[in-house]
Protein backbone atom coordinates (compact mmCIF):
# COMPACT_ATOMS: atom_id res chain seq x y z
CA MET A 1 75.07 127.41 106.52
CA SER A 2 74.94 126.36 102.47
CA LYS A 3 74.33 122.42 102.12
CA GLU A 4 77.83 123.21 99.33
CA THR A 5 79.66 124.60 102.83
CA LEU A 6 78.63 121.18 104.77
CA THR A 7 79.67 118.50 101.81
CA LYS A 8 82.53 119.85 100.39
CA PRO A 9 84.70 118.70 103.37
CA LEU A 10 82.74 115.56 103.41
CA ARG A 11 83.53 114.58 99.75
CA TYR A 12 87.19 115.54 100.47
CA ALA A 13 87.67 112.92 103.16
CA TRP A 14 85.49 110.40 101.25
CA GLY A 15 87.99 110.70 98.43
CA TYR A 16 91.09 110.66 100.47
CA LEU A 17 89.98 107.87 102.10
CA LYS A 18 89.19 106.03 98.72
CA GLU A 19 92.75 106.80 97.71
CA ILE A 20 94.65 105.39 100.92
CA SER A 21 92.39 102.14 100.66
CA GLY A 22 92.76 101.54 96.95
CA GLU A 23 89.24 101.57 96.18
CA ASN A 24 90.18 104.01 93.29
CA ALA A 25 92.79 101.70 91.77
CA TYR A 26 90.66 100.46 89.13
CA ASP A 27 89.48 103.94 88.10
CA ARG A 28 93.01 104.93 87.98
CA TYR A 29 93.87 101.68 85.93
CA LEU A 30 91.27 102.61 83.00
CA ALA A 31 92.36 106.21 82.98
CA ALA A 32 96.01 104.88 82.15
CA HIS A 33 94.98 102.20 80.17
CA GLU A 34 93.04 104.77 77.96
CA ARG A 35 95.65 106.69 77.37
CA THR A 36 98.22 104.10 76.22
CA HIS A 37 96.45 101.13 75.09
CA GLY A 38 92.58 102.75 73.96
CA ASP A 39 92.73 100.39 71.08
CA LYS A 40 92.89 97.19 73.36
CA THR A 41 89.89 95.91 75.74
CA PRO A 42 91.31 96.58 79.43
CA MET A 43 90.49 94.07 82.45
CA ASP A 44 87.26 94.18 84.19
CA ARG A 45 87.46 95.02 87.94
CA GLY A 46 87.39 91.26 88.99
CA GLU A 47 90.59 90.36 86.49
CA PHE A 48 92.53 93.75 87.94
CA TYR A 49 92.30 92.80 91.36
CA ARG A 50 92.94 89.51 91.12
CA TRP A 51 96.13 90.55 88.87
CA ARG A 52 97.07 93.39 91.69
CA GLN A 53 96.73 90.69 94.34
CA ASP A 54 98.89 88.05 92.27
CA GLU A 55 101.52 90.84 92.04
CA LYS A 56 101.40 91.84 95.37
CA TYR A 57 101.82 87.85 96.60
CA ASN A 58 104.49 87.04 93.83
CA ASN A 59 106.76 89.90 93.92
CA PRO A 60 107.23 90.65 97.65
CA GLY A 61 110.44 92.41 97.28
CA SER A 62 108.35 95.43 95.69
CA ARG A 63 107.23 96.07 99.25
CA CYS A 64 110.26 95.38 101.48
CA PRO A 65 112.97 97.61 102.28
C-alpha cells in the first residue's frame, strides 16, 4: 500500500474537521479580503477572531430561529 493511499483519507478528514470547527475561517477571510479589498490591510488573526466573537455575541438573532 502506498503512502498516498494511506494519507489521502487522513488529509480529507483533517480538512473536514478544520471546516466544521471553524479553524479555517481566517484563511477564508483572507481569500475573500484579497478579492474584494486587495488595497487595504487585512485584520490579523487575533483581530479577526475578536471581531468574529463580537459579532456572534452582539447579534444573537443571527443564530436563533
